[in-house]
PDB file of N, CA and C in Angstrom:
ATOM      1  N   UNK A   1       1.004  -1.191   0.042  1.00  0.00           N
ATOM      2  CA  UNK A   1       0.063   0.177   0.109  1.00  0.00           C
ATOM      3  C   UNK A   1       1.014   1.507  -0.162  1.00  0.00           C
ATOM      4  N   UNK A   2       0.190   2.368  -0.742  1.00  0.00           N
ATOM      5  CA  UNK A   2       0.883   3.367  -0.386  1.00  0.00           C
ATOM      6  C   UNK A   2       0.914   4.457   0.466  1.00  0.00           C
ATOM      7  N   UNK A   3       1.907   4.999   0.381  1.00  0.00           N
ATOM      8  CA  UNK A   3       1.786   6.381   1.865  1.00  0.00           C
ATOM      9  C   UNK A   3       0.166   6.776   1.948  1.00  0.00           C
ATOM     10  N   UNK A   4      -0.178   6.940   2.739  1.00  0.00           N
ATOM     11  CA  UNK A   4      -1.449   8.133   2.749  1.00  0.00           C
ATOM     12  C   UNK A   4      -0.972   9.427   2.614  1.00  0.00           C
ATOM     13  N   UNK A   5      -0.136  10.042   2.417  1.00  0.00           N
ATOM     14  CA  UNK A   5       0.495  11.562   2.033  1.00  0.00           C
ATOM     15  C   UNK A   5       0.062  11.777   0.516  1.00  0.00           C
ATOM     16  N   UNK A   6       0.939  10.098  -0.070  1.00  0.00           N
ATOM     17  CA  UNK A   6       1.190  10.348  -1.904  1.00  0.00           C
ATOM     18  C   UNK A   6      -0.490   9.916  -2.584  1.00  0.00           C
ATOM     19  N   UNK A   7      -1.388   9.615  -1.193  1.00  0.00           N
ATOM     20  CA  UNK A   7      -3.328   9.693  -2.604  1.00  0.00           C
ATOM     21  C   UNK A   7      -3.103  10.335  -2.884  1.00  0.00           C
ATOM     22  N   UNK A   8      -4.066  10.398  -3.742  1.00  0.00           N
ATOM     23  CA  UNK A   8      -4.952  11.138  -4.549  1.00  0.00           C
ATOM     24  C   UNK A   8      -6.410  11.268  -2.919  1.00  0.00           C
ATOM     25  N   UNK A   9      -7.402  12.179  -3.330  1.00  0.00           N
ATOM     26  CA  UNK A   9      -8.301  12.542  -2.279  1.00  0.00           C
ATOM     27  C   UNK A   9      -9.549  11.286  -3.072  1.00  0.00           C
ATOM     28  N   UNK A  10      -9.881  11.219  -4.412  1.00  0.00           N
ATOM     29  CA  UNK A  10      -9.740  10.424  -4.758  1.00  0.00           C
ATOM     30  C   UNK A  10     -10.485   8.786  -4.105  1.00  0.00           C
ATOM     31  N   UNK A  11      -8.471   8.134  -3.834  1.00  0.00           N
ATOM     32  CA  UNK A  11      -7.950   7.148  -3.076  1.00  0.00           C
ATOM     33  C   UNK A  11      -7.949   6.711  -1.713  1.00  0.00           C
ATOM     34  N   UNK A  12      -8.068   8.085  -1.156  1.00  0.00           N
ATOM     35  CA  UNK A  12      -7.999   8.247   0.510  1.00  0.00           C
ATOM     36  C   UNK A  12      -9.601   7.917   0.689  1.00  0.00           C
ATOM     37  N   UNK A  13     -10.169   8.623  -0.116  1.00  0.00           N
ATOM     38  CA  UNK A  13     -11.888   7.940  -0.027  1.00  0.00           C
ATOM     39  C   UNK A  13     -12.049   6.744  -0.322  1.00  0.00           C
ATOM     40  N   UNK A  14     -11.401   5.967  -0.800  1.00  0.00           N
ATOM     41  CA  UNK A  14     -11.825   4.399  -0.707  1.00  0.00           C
ATOM     42  C   UNK A  14     -11.242   3.979   0.269  1.00  0.00           C
ATOM     43  N   UNK A  15      -9.879   3.961   0.467  1.00  0.00           N
ATOM     44  CA  UNK A  15      -9.021   3.559   1.593  1.00  0.00           C
ATOM     45  C   UNK A  15     -10.273   3.901   2.863  1.00  0.00           C
ATOM     46  N   UNK A  16     -10.476   4.922   2.916  1.00  0.00           N
ATOM     47  CA  UNK A  16     -11.027   4.936   4.301  1.00  0.00           C
ATOM     48  C   UNK A  16     -12.611   4.541   3.982  1.00  0.00           C
ATOM     49  N   UNK A  17     -13.315   3.986   2.771  1.00  0.00           N
ATOM     50  CA  UNK A  17     -14.485   2.777   3.044  1.00  0.00           C
ATOM     51  C   UNK A  17     -14.006   2.089   3.088  1.00  0.00           C
ATOM     52  N   UNK A  18     -12.888   1.860   2.813  1.00  0.00           N
ATOM     53  CA  UNK A  18     -12.302  -0.233   2.393  1.00  0.00           C
ATOM     54  C   UNK A  18     -12.390  -0.015   4.744  1.00  0.00           C
ATOM     55  N   UNK A  19     -11.762   1.262   5.364  1.00  0.00           N
ATOM     56  CA  UNK A  19     -11.656   0.862   6.319  1.00  0.00           C
ATOM     57  C   UNK A  19     -12.844   0.694   7.090  1.00  0.00           C
ATOM     58  N   UNK A  20     -13.758   1.979   6.461  1.00  0.00           N
ATOM     59  CA  UNK A  20     -15.342   2.179   7.544  1.00  0.00           C
ATOM     60  C   UNK A  20     -15.536   0.122   7.723  1.00  0.00           C
ATOM     61  N   UNK A  21     -15.944  -0.681   6.706  1.00  0.00           N
ATOM     62  CA  UNK A  21     -16.437  -1.891   6.109  1.00  0.00           C
ATOM     63  C   UNK A  21     -15.716  -2.149   6.750  1.00  0.00           C
ATOM     64  N   UNK A  22     -14.706  -2.105   7.264  1.00  0.00           N
ATOM     65  CA  UNK A  22     -13.555  -3.696   8.297  1.00  0.00           C
ATOM     66  C   UNK A  22     -13.851  -3.083   9.848  1.00  0.00           C
ATOM     67  N   UNK A  23     -14.569  -1.586   9.675  1.00  0.00           N
ATOM     68  CA  UNK A  23     -14.878  -1.397  11.231  1.00  0.00           C
ATOM     69  C   UNK A  23     -16.479  -1.720  11.303  1.00  0.00           C
ATOM     70  N   UNK A  24     -16.812  -2.150   9.963  1.00  0.00           N
ATOM     71  CA  UNK A  24     -19.135  -2.202  10.936  1.00  0.00           C
ATOM     72  C   UNK A  24     -18.297  -4.441  11.248  1.00  0.00           C
ATOM     73  N   UNK A  25     -17.560  -4.708   9.515  1.00  0.00           N
ATOM     74  CA  UNK A  25     -17.172  -6.425  10.121  1.00  0.00           C
ATOM     75  C   UNK A  25     -17.223  -6.581  11.518  1.00  0.00           C
ATOM     76  N   UNK A  26     -15.503  -5.422  12.307  1.00  0.00           N
ATOM     77  CA  UNK A  26     -15.320  -6.696  13.460  1.00  0.00           C
ATOM     78  C   UNK A  26     -15.804  -5.834  14.119  1.00  0.00           C
ATOM     79  N   UNK A  27     -17.157  -4.993  14.647  1.00  0.00           N
ATOM     80  CA  UNK A  27     -17.559  -4.491  16.022  1.00  0.00           C
ATOM     81  C   UNK A  27     -19.298  -5.555  15.753  1.00  0.00           C
ATOM     82  N   UNK A  28     -19.214  -6.205  13.963  1.00  0.00           N
ATOM     83  CA  UNK A  28     -19.886  -7.802  14.428  1.00  0.00           C
ATOM     84  C   UNK A  28     -19.719  -8.546  15.709  1.00  0.00           C
ATOM     85  N   UNK A  29     -18.686  -9.285  15.019  1.00  0.00           N
ATOM     86  CA  UNK A  29     -18.179 -10.283  15.060  1.00  0.00           C
ATOM     87  C   UNK A  29     -17.245  -9.949  16.866  1.00  0.00           C
ATOM     88  N   UNK A  30     -17.517  -8.265  17.144  1.00  0.00           N
ATOM     89  CA  UNK A  30     -16.737  -7.732  18.587  1.00  0.00           C
ATOM     90  C   UNK A  30     -15.291  -8.199  19.167  1.00  0.00           C
ATOM     91  N   UNK A  31     -14.944  -7.522  17.768  1.00  0.00           N
ATOM     92  CA  UNK A  31     -13.500  -8.297  17.833  1.00  0.00           C
ATOM     93  C   UNK A  31     -12.791  -6.586  17.864  1.00  0.00           C
ATOM     94  N   UNK A  32     -13.363  -5.929  19.878  1.00  0.00           N
ATOM     95  CA  UNK A  32     -12.719  -4.740  20.173  1.00  0.00           C
ATOM     96  C   UNK A  32     -11.164  -4.052  19.815  1.00  0.00           C
ATOM     97  N   UNK A  33     -10.488  -4.859  19.813  1.00  0.00           N
ATOM     98  CA  UNK A  33      -9.197  -3.736  19.629  1.00  0.00           C
ATOM     99  C   UNK A  33      -9.122  -4.171  17.805  1.00  0.00           C
ATOM    100  N   UNK A  34      -9.555  -5.076  16.853  1.00  0.00           N
ATOM    101  CA  UNK A  34      -9.346  -4.566  15.530  1.00  0.00           C
ATOM    102  C   UNK A  34     -10.349  -3.216  15.352  1.00  0.00           C
ATOM    103  N   UNK A  35     -11.832  -2.504  15.807  1.00  0.00           N
ATOM    104  CA  UNK A  35     -11.958  -1.785  15.583  1.00  0.00           C
ATOM    105  C   UNK A  35     -11.643  -0.501  15.827  1.00  0.00           C
ATOM    106  N   UNK A  36     -10.758  -1.091  16.510  1.00  0.00           N
ATOM    107  CA  UNK A  36      -9.645   0.380  17.481  1.00  0.00           C
ATOM    108  C   UNK A  36      -8.789   0.937  16.278  1.00  0.00           C
ATOM    109  N   UNK A  37      -8.163  -0.348  15.762  1.00  0.00           N
ATOM    110  CA  UNK A  37      -7.129   0.199  15.256  1.00  0.00           C
ATOM    111  C   UNK A  37      -7.506  -0.082  13.864  1.00  0.00           C
ATOM    112  N   UNK A  38      -8.642  -0.152  13.553  1.00  0.00           N
ATOM    113  CA  UNK A  38      -9.274   0.576  12.567  1.00  0.00           C
ATOM    114  C   UNK A  38     -10.013   1.553  12.159  1.00  0.00           C
ATOM    115  N   UNK A  39     -10.558   1.741  12.932  1.00  0.00           N
ATOM    116  CA  UNK A  39     -10.868   3.585  14.011  1.00  0.00           C
ATOM    117  C   UNK A  39      -9.880   4.855  13.280  1.00  0.00           C
ATOM    118  N   UNK A  40      -8.673   4.270  14.400  1.00  0.00           N
ATOM    119  CA  UNK A  40      -7.660   5.072  13.987  1.00  0.00           C
ATOM    120  C   UNK A  40      -7.040   5.317  12.712  1.00  0.00           C
ATOM    121  N   UNK A  41      -6.908   4.112  11.766  1.00  0.00           N
ATOM    122  CA  UNK A  41      -6.514   4.752  10.437  1.00  0.00           C
ATOM    123  C   UNK A  41      -7.799   5.556   9.918  1.00  0.00           C
ATOM    124  N   UNK A  42      -9.038   5.201  10.324  1.00  0.00           N
ATOM    125  CA  UNK A  42      -9.806   5.922   9.471  1.00  0.00           C
ATOM    126  C   UNK A  42      -9.263   7.837  10.113  1.00  0.00           C
ATOM    127  N   UNK A  43      -9.266   8.336  10.832  1.00  0.00           N
ATOM    128  CA  UNK A  43      -8.834   9.558  11.768  1.00  0.00           C
ATOM    129  C   UNK A  43      -7.645  10.189  10.948  1.00  0.00           C
ATOM    130  N   UNK A  44      -6.815   9.007  11.001  1.00  0.00           N
ATOM    131  CA  UNK A  44      -5.710   9.757  10.158  1.00  0.00           C
ATOM    132  C   UNK A  44      -5.822  10.187   8.956  1.00  0.00           C
ATOM    133  N   UNK A  45      -6.246   8.882   8.511  1.00  0.00           N
ATOM    134  CA  UNK A  45      -6.843   9.018   6.950  1.00  0.00           C
ATOM    135  C   UNK A  45      -7.229  10.457   6.470  1.00  0.00           C
ATOM    136  N   UNK A  46      -8.158  11.067   7.369  1.00  0.00           N
ATOM    137  CA  UNK A  46      -9.221  11.652   7.174  1.00  0.00           C
ATOM    138  C   UNK A  46      -8.997  12.911   7.736  1.00  0.00           C
ATOM    139  N   UNK A  47      -7.513  13.215   8.692  1.00  0.00           N
ATOM    140  CA  UNK A  47      -7.201  14.401   8.598  1.00  0.00           C
ATOM    141  C   UNK A  47      -6.498  14.866   7.437  1.00  0.00           C
ATOM    142  N   UNK A  48      -5.912  14.131   6.709  1.00  0.00           N
ATOM    143  CA  UNK A  48      -5.751  14.628   4.991  1.00  0.00           C
ATOM    144  C   UNK A  48      -6.700  15.799   4.400  1.00  0.00           C
ATOM    145  N   UNK A  49      -8.069  15.403   5.113  1.00  0.00           N
ATOM    146  CA  UNK A  49      -8.789  16.840   4.690  1.00  0.00           C
ATOM    147  C   UNK A  49      -8.855  17.817   4.587  1.00  0.00           C
ATOM    148  N   UNK A  50      -8.246  18.089   6.378  1.00  0.00           N
ATOM    149  CA  UNK A  50      -8.125  18.999   7.355  1.00  0.00           C
ATOM    150  C   UNK A  50      -8.025  20.321   6.903  1.00  0.00           C
ATOM    151  N   UNK A  51      -8.564  21.363   6.356  1.00  0.00           N
ATOM    152  CA  UNK A  51      -7.706  23.028   6.421  1.00  0.00           C
ATOM    153  C   UNK A  51      -7.361  22.564   7.191  1.00  0.00           C
ATOM    154  N   UNK A  52      -5.369  22.666   7.700  1.00  0.00           N
ATOM    155  CA  UNK A  52      -4.700  23.052   8.727  1.00  0.00           C
ATOM    156  C   UNK A  52      -5.230  24.667   8.812  1.00  0.00           C
ATOM    157  N   UNK A  53      -5.431  24.970   8.334  1.00  0.00           N
ATOM    158  CA  UNK A  53      -5.283  26.890   8.769  1.00  0.00           C
ATOM    159  C   UNK A  53      -6.297  27.229   9.721  1.00  0.00           C
ATOM    160  N   UNK A  54      -7.098  26.216   9.810  1.00  0.00           N
ATOM    161  CA  UNK A  54      -8.281  26.576  10.463  1.00  0.00           C
ATOM    162  C   UNK A  54      -8.273  26.542  12.299  1.00  0.00           C
ATOM    163  N   UNK A  55      -7.054  25.821  12.250  1.00  0.00           N
ATOM    164  CA  UNK A  55      -6.068  24.891  13.569  1.00  0.00           C
ATOM    165  C   UNK A  55      -5.249  26.503  14.342  1.00  0.00           C
ATOM    166  N   UNK A  56      -5.772  26.615  15.183  1.00  0.00           N
ATOM    167  CA  UNK A  56      -4.740  28.421  15.844  1.00  0.00           C
ATOM    168  C   UNK A  56      -3.744  27.344  17.121  1.00  0.00           C
ATOM    169  N   UNK A  57      -2.740  27.502  16.947  1.00  0.00           N
ATOM    170  CA  UNK A  57      -2.339  26.810  17.999  1.00  0.00           C
ATOM    171  C   UNK A  57      -2.705  28.266  19.291  1.00  0.00           C
ATOM    172  N   UNK A  58      -2.932  27.311  21.050  1.00  0.00           N
ATOM    173  CA  UNK A  58      -3.720  27.771  22.000  1.00  0.00           C
ATOM    174  C   UNK A  58      -4.179  28.167  22.670  1.00  0.00           C
ATOM    175  N   UNK A  59      -5.607  27.337  21.198  1.00  0.00           N
ATOM    176  CA  UNK A  59      -6.364  27.748  21.405  1.00  0.00           C
ATOM    177  C   UNK A  59      -6.845  26.114  21.740  1.00  0.00           C
ATOM    178  N   UNK A  60      -8.295  25.558  22.834  1.00  0.00           N
ATOM    179  CA  UNK A  60      -8.923  24.319  22.909  1.00  0.00           C
ATOM    180  C   UNK A  60     -10.450  24.224  22.402  1.00  0.00           C
ATOM    181  N   UNK A  61     -10.319  23.224  21.518  1.00  0.00           N
ATOM    182  CA  UNK A  61     -11.508  22.545  20.882  1.00  0.00           C
ATOM    183  C   UNK A  61     -11.928  21.448  21.376  1.00  0.00           C
ATOM    184  N   UNK A  62     -13.347  21.261  21.016  1.00  0.00           N
ATOM    185  CA  UNK A  62     -13.920  20.160  21.639  1.00  0.00           C
ATOM    186  C   UNK A  62     -13.118  18.776  20.658  1.00  0.00           C
ATOM    187  N   UNK A  63     -13.376  17.604  20.718  1.00  0.00           N
ATOM    188  CA  UNK A  63     -12.945  16.793  20.510  1.00  0.00           C
ATOM    189  C   UNK A  63     -14.620  16.167  19.831  1.00  0.00           C
ATOM    190  N   UNK A  64     -14.458  15.766  18.482  1.00  0.00           N
ATOM    191  CA  UNK A  64     -15.113  15.274  17.751  1.00  0.00           C
ATOM    192  C   UNK A  64     -15.612  13.394  18.300  1.00  0.00           C
ATOM    193  N   UNK A  65     -17.115  13.392  18.566  1.00  0.00           N
ATOM    194  CA  UNK A  65     -17.241  12.277  18.558  1.00  0.00           C
ATOM    195  C   UNK A  65     -16.870  12.356  20.496  1.00  0.00           C
ATOM    196  N   UNK A  66     -16.798  13.129  21.019  1.00  0.00           N
ATOM    197  CA  UNK A  66     -16.337  12.807  23.135  1.00  0.00           C
ATOM    198  C   UNK A  66     -16.544  14.264  22.778  1.00  0.00           C
ATOM    199  N   UNK A  67     -17.581  15.008  23.189  1.00  0.00           N
ATOM    200  CA  UNK A  67     -17.795  16.237  22.485  1.00  0.00           C
ATOM    201  C   UNK A  67     -17.221  16.689  24.569  1.00  0.00           C
ATOM    202  N   UNK A  68     -16.850  16.102  26.205  1.00  0.00           N
ATOM    203  CA  UNK A  68     -16.815  15.951  27.054  1.00  0.00           C
ATOM    204  C   UNK A  68     -15.412  16.722  27.320  1.00  0.00           C
ATOM    205  N   UNK A  69     -14.578  15.823  26.046  1.00  0.00           N
ATOM    206  CA  UNK A  69     -13.113  16.078  26.295  1.00  0.00           C
ATOM    207  C   UNK A  69     -12.864  16.784  25.496  1.00  0.00           C
ATOM    208  N   UNK A  70     -11.892  18.164  25.515  1.00  0.00           N
ATOM    209  CA  UNK A  70     -11.664  19.242  24.846  1.00  0.00           C
ATOM    210  C   UNK A  70     -10.077  18.890  25.624  1.00  0.00           C
ATOM    211  N   UNK A  71      -8.994  19.449  23.818  1.00  0.00           N
ATOM    212  CA  UNK A  71      -7.724  19.397  23.588  1.00  0.00           C
ATOM    213  C   UNK A  71      -6.986  20.997  23.378  1.00  0.00           C
ATOM    214  N   UNK A  72      -6.026  21.374  24.009  1.00  0.00           N
ATOM    215  CA  UNK A  72      -5.597  22.411  24.021  1.00  0.00           C
ATOM    216  C   UNK A  72      -4.539  22.332  23.253  1.00  0.00           C
ATOM    217  N   UNK A  73      -4.679  22.726  21.811  1.00  0.00           N
ATOM    218  CA  UNK A  73      -3.400  22.634  20.710  1.00  0.00           C
ATOM    219  C   UNK A  73      -2.339  23.297  20.893  1.00  0.00           C
ATOM    220  N   UNK A  74      -0.503  22.658  20.449  1.00  0.00           N
ATOM    221  CA  UNK A  74       0.284  24.087  20.933  1.00  0.00           C
ATOM    222  C   UNK A  74       0.589  23.712  19.849  1.00  0.00           C
ATOM    223  N   UNK A  75       0.934  23.363  18.907  1.00  0.00           N
ATOM    224  CA  UNK A  75       1.161  23.478  17.806  1.00  0.00           C
ATOM    225  C   UNK A  75       1.075  22.213  16.678  1.00  0.00           C
ATOM    226  N   UNK A  76       1.129  22.011  15.067  1.00  0.00           N
ATOM    227  CA  UNK A  76       0.659  20.898  14.466  1.00  0.00           C
ATOM    228  C   UNK A  76       2.221  20.458  13.583  1.00  0.00           C
ATOM    229  N   UNK A  77       1.935  19.567  12.997  1.00  0.00           N
ATOM    230  CA  UNK A  77       3.315  18.861  13.070  1.00  0.00           C
ATOM    231  C   UNK A  77       2.748  17.730  12.305  1.00  0.00           C
ATOM    232  N   UNK A  78       2.970  18.194  10.544  1.00  0.00           N
ATOM    233  CA  UNK A  78       2.419  17.125  10.302  1.00  0.00           C
ATOM    234  C   UNK A  78       0.087  17.401   9.547  1.00  0.00           C
ATOM    235  N   UNK A  79       0.355  15.899  10.719  1.00  0.00           N
ATOM    236  CA  UNK A  79      -1.324  16.200  10.083  1.00  0.00           C
ATOM    237  C   UNK A  79      -1.498  16.034  12.128  1.00  0.00           C
ATOM    238  N   UNK A  80      -0.603  16.157  12.638  1.00  0.00           N
ATOM    239  CA  UNK A  80      -0.638  15.934  13.968  1.00  0.00           C
ATOM    240  C   UNK A  80      -1.499  16.957  14.958  1.00  0.00           C
ATOM    241  N   UNK A  81      -2.072  16.962  15.587  1.00  0.00           N
ATOM    242  CA  UNK A  81      -2.216  18.145  16.353  1.00  0.00           C
ATOM    243  C   UNK A  81      -1.280  17.525  17.888  1.00  0.00           C
ATOM    244  N   UNK A  82      -0.647  18.560  18.524  1.00  0.00           N
ATOM    245  CA  UNK A  82       0.613  18.459  19.515  1.00  0.00           C
ATOM    246  C   UNK A  82      -0.146  19.082  20.621  1.00  0.00           C
ATOM    247  N   UNK A  83      -0.528  18.518  22.088  1.00  0.00           N
ATOM    248  CA  UNK A  83      -0.727  19.382  23.252  1.00  0.00           C
ATOM    249  C   UNK A  83      -1.276  18.164  24.194  1.00  0.00           C
ATOM    250  N   UNK A  84      -2.597  19.398  24.909  1.00  0.00           N
ATOM    251  CA  UNK A  84      -3.162  18.806  26.074  1.00  0.00           C
ATOM    252  C   UNK A  84      -4.110  19.111  26.364  1.00  0.00           C
ATOM    253  N   UNK A  85      -5.125  17.546  26.787  1.00  0.00           N
ATOM    254  CA  UNK A  85      -6.118  17.282  27.161  1.00  0.00           C
ATOM    255  C   UNK A  85      -7.119  18.225  28.257  1.00  0.00           C
ATOM    256  N   UNK A  86      -7.709  19.069  28.591  1.00  0.00           N
ATOM    257  CA  UNK A  86      -8.067  20.064  29.292  1.00  0.00           C
ATOM    258  C   UNK A  86      -8.185  18.768  30.075  1.00  0.00           C
ATOM    259  N   UNK A  87      -8.006  19.318  31.986  1.00  0.00           N
ATOM    260  CA  UNK A  87      -8.445  18.310  32.914  1.00  0.00           C
ATOM    261  C   UNK A  87      -7.689  17.121  33.282  1.00  0.00           C
ATOM    262  N   UNK A  88      -6.547  16.536  32.239  1.00  0.00           N
ATOM    263  CA  UNK A  88      -6.023  15.284  31.867  1.00  0.00           C
ATOM    264  C   UNK A  88      -4.738  14.844  32.659  1.00  0.00           C
ATOM    265  N   UNK A  89      -4.468  13.674  32.710  1.00  0.00           N
ATOM    266  CA  UNK A  89      -3.244  14.010  33.623  1.00  0.00           C
ATOM    267  C   UNK A  89      -2.339  13.993  32.946  1.00  0.00           C
ATOM    268  N   UNK A  90      -2.221  13.366  31.565  1.00  0.00           N
ATOM    269  CA  UNK A  90      -0.644  13.040  30.318  1.00  0.00           C
ATOM    270  C   UNK A  90       0.153  14.415  30.290  1.00  0.00           C
ATOM    271  N   UNK A  91       1.096  14.105  30.023  1.00  0.00           N
ATOM    272  CA  UNK A  91       2.064  15.240  29.748  1.00  0.00           C
ATOM    273  C   UNK A  91       1.573  15.374  27.773  1.00  0.00           C
ATOM    274  N   UNK A  92       2.275  15.546  26.979  1.00  0.00           N
ATOM    275  CA  UNK A  92       1.503  16.137  26.015  1.00  0.00           C
ATOM    276  C   UNK A  92       1.261  14.962  25.083  1.00  0.00           C
ATOM    277  N   UNK A  93       0.115  15.504  24.511  1.00  0.00           N
ATOM    278  CA  UNK A  93      -0.740  14.421  23.012  1.00  0.00           C
ATOM    279  C   UNK A  93       0.266  14.928  21.813  1.00  0.00           C
ATOM    280  N   UNK A  94      -0.119  13.468  21.377  1.00  0.00           N
ATOM    281  CA  UNK A  94      -0.865  14.009  19.956  1.00  0.00           C
ATOM    282  C   UNK A  94      -1.822  13.421  18.868  1.00  0.00           C
ATOM    283  N   UNK A  95      -2.862  14.143  18.881  1.00  0.00           N
ATOM    284  CA  UNK A  95      -3.426  13.753  17.657  1.00  0.00           C
ATOM    285  C   UNK A  95      -4.374  13.693  16.529  1.00  0.00           C
ATOM    286  N   UNK A  96      -4.841  12.873  15.552  1.00  0.00           N
ATOM    287  CA  UNK A  96      -5.093  13.523  14.492  1.00  0.00           C
ATOM    288  C   UNK A  96      -6.045  14.207  14.263  1.00  0.00           C
ATOM    289  N   UNK A  97      -5.237  15.870  13.295  1.00  0.00           N
ATOM    290  CA  UNK A  97      -5.960  16.761  12.950  1.00  0.00           C
ATOM    291  C   UNK A  97      -7.557  16.860  12.521  1.00  0.00           C
ATOM    292  N   UNK A  98      -8.243  15.280  12.581  1.00  0.00           N
ATOM    293  CA  UNK A  98      -9.669  15.207  12.347  1.00  0.00           C
ATOM    294  C   UNK A  98      -9.897  15.025  13.632  1.00  0.00           C
ATOM    295  N   UNK A  99     -10.027  14.451  14.442  1.00  0.00           N
ATOM    296  CA  UNK A  99     -10.510  14.897  15.539  1.00  0.00           C
ATOM    297  C   UNK A  99     -11.249  15.921  16.564  1.00  0.00           C
ATOM    298  N   UNK A 100     -10.264  17.142  15.904  1.00  0.00           N
ATOM    299  CA  UNK A 100     -10.858  18.323  16.255  1.00  0.00           C
ATOM    300  C   UNK A 100     -11.896  19.066  15.794  1.00  0.00           C
ATOM    301  N   UNK A 101     -12.788  19.793  16.624  1.00  0.00           N
ATOM    302  CA  UNK A 101     -14.204  19.413  16.097  1.00  0.00           C
ATOM    303  C   UNK A 101     -14.153  21.816  16.025  1.00  0.00           C
ATOM    304  N   UNK A 102     -13.316  21.567  13.939  1.00  0.00           N
ATOM    305  CA  UNK A 102     -13.236  23.241  13.923  1.00  0.00           C
ATOM    306  C   UNK A 102     -14.750  23.468  13.540  1.00  0.00           C
ATOM    307  N   UNK A 103     -14.031  25.570  13.502  1.00  0.00           N
ATOM    308  CA  UNK A 103     -15.283  25.708  12.572  1.00  0.00           C
ATOM    309  C   UNK A 103     -14.738  26.307  11.630  1.00  0.00           C
ATOM    310  N   UNK A 104     -16.219  26.280  10.265  1.00  0.00           N
ATOM    311  CA  UNK A 104     -15.378  27.529   9.540  1.00  0.00           C
ATOM    312  C   UNK A 104     -15.409  27.918   9.293  1.00  0.00           C
ATOM    313  N   UNK A 105     -14.371  29.027   8.290  1.00  0.00           N
ATOM    314  CA  UNK A 105     -14.634  30.627   8.114  1.00  0.00           C
ATOM    315  C   UNK A 105     -14.738  30.461   6.731  1.00  0.00           C
ATOM    316  N   UNK A 106     -15.249  31.832   6.706  1.00  0.00           N
ATOM    317  CA  UNK A 106     -15.777  31.951   5.339  1.00  0.00           C
ATOM    318  C   UNK A 106     -17.256  32.764   6.642  1.00  0.00           C
TER     319      UNK A 106
END
């Protein structure tokens, strides 16, 4: 398989579709760990569709699909936002930018 960062939008969409189908099967079979790995692969692939200019270092964002969690972005490196979960005990963490709930510009 080619690296995600070399794929066209159409190829990424096909890749995401394949992974989502595999997620559905893993969920039906009750294979939680496989489901989580596939979910992470989808989040990383979806990050290539995010407009990085919408992410401001120093700002706090809600986490998509878990609105009780917030993440303070310190900096962006590639398709990962690095920073801290608000109220979390972790040191610095990196998450795919597709996990951030961004407001649209315009």
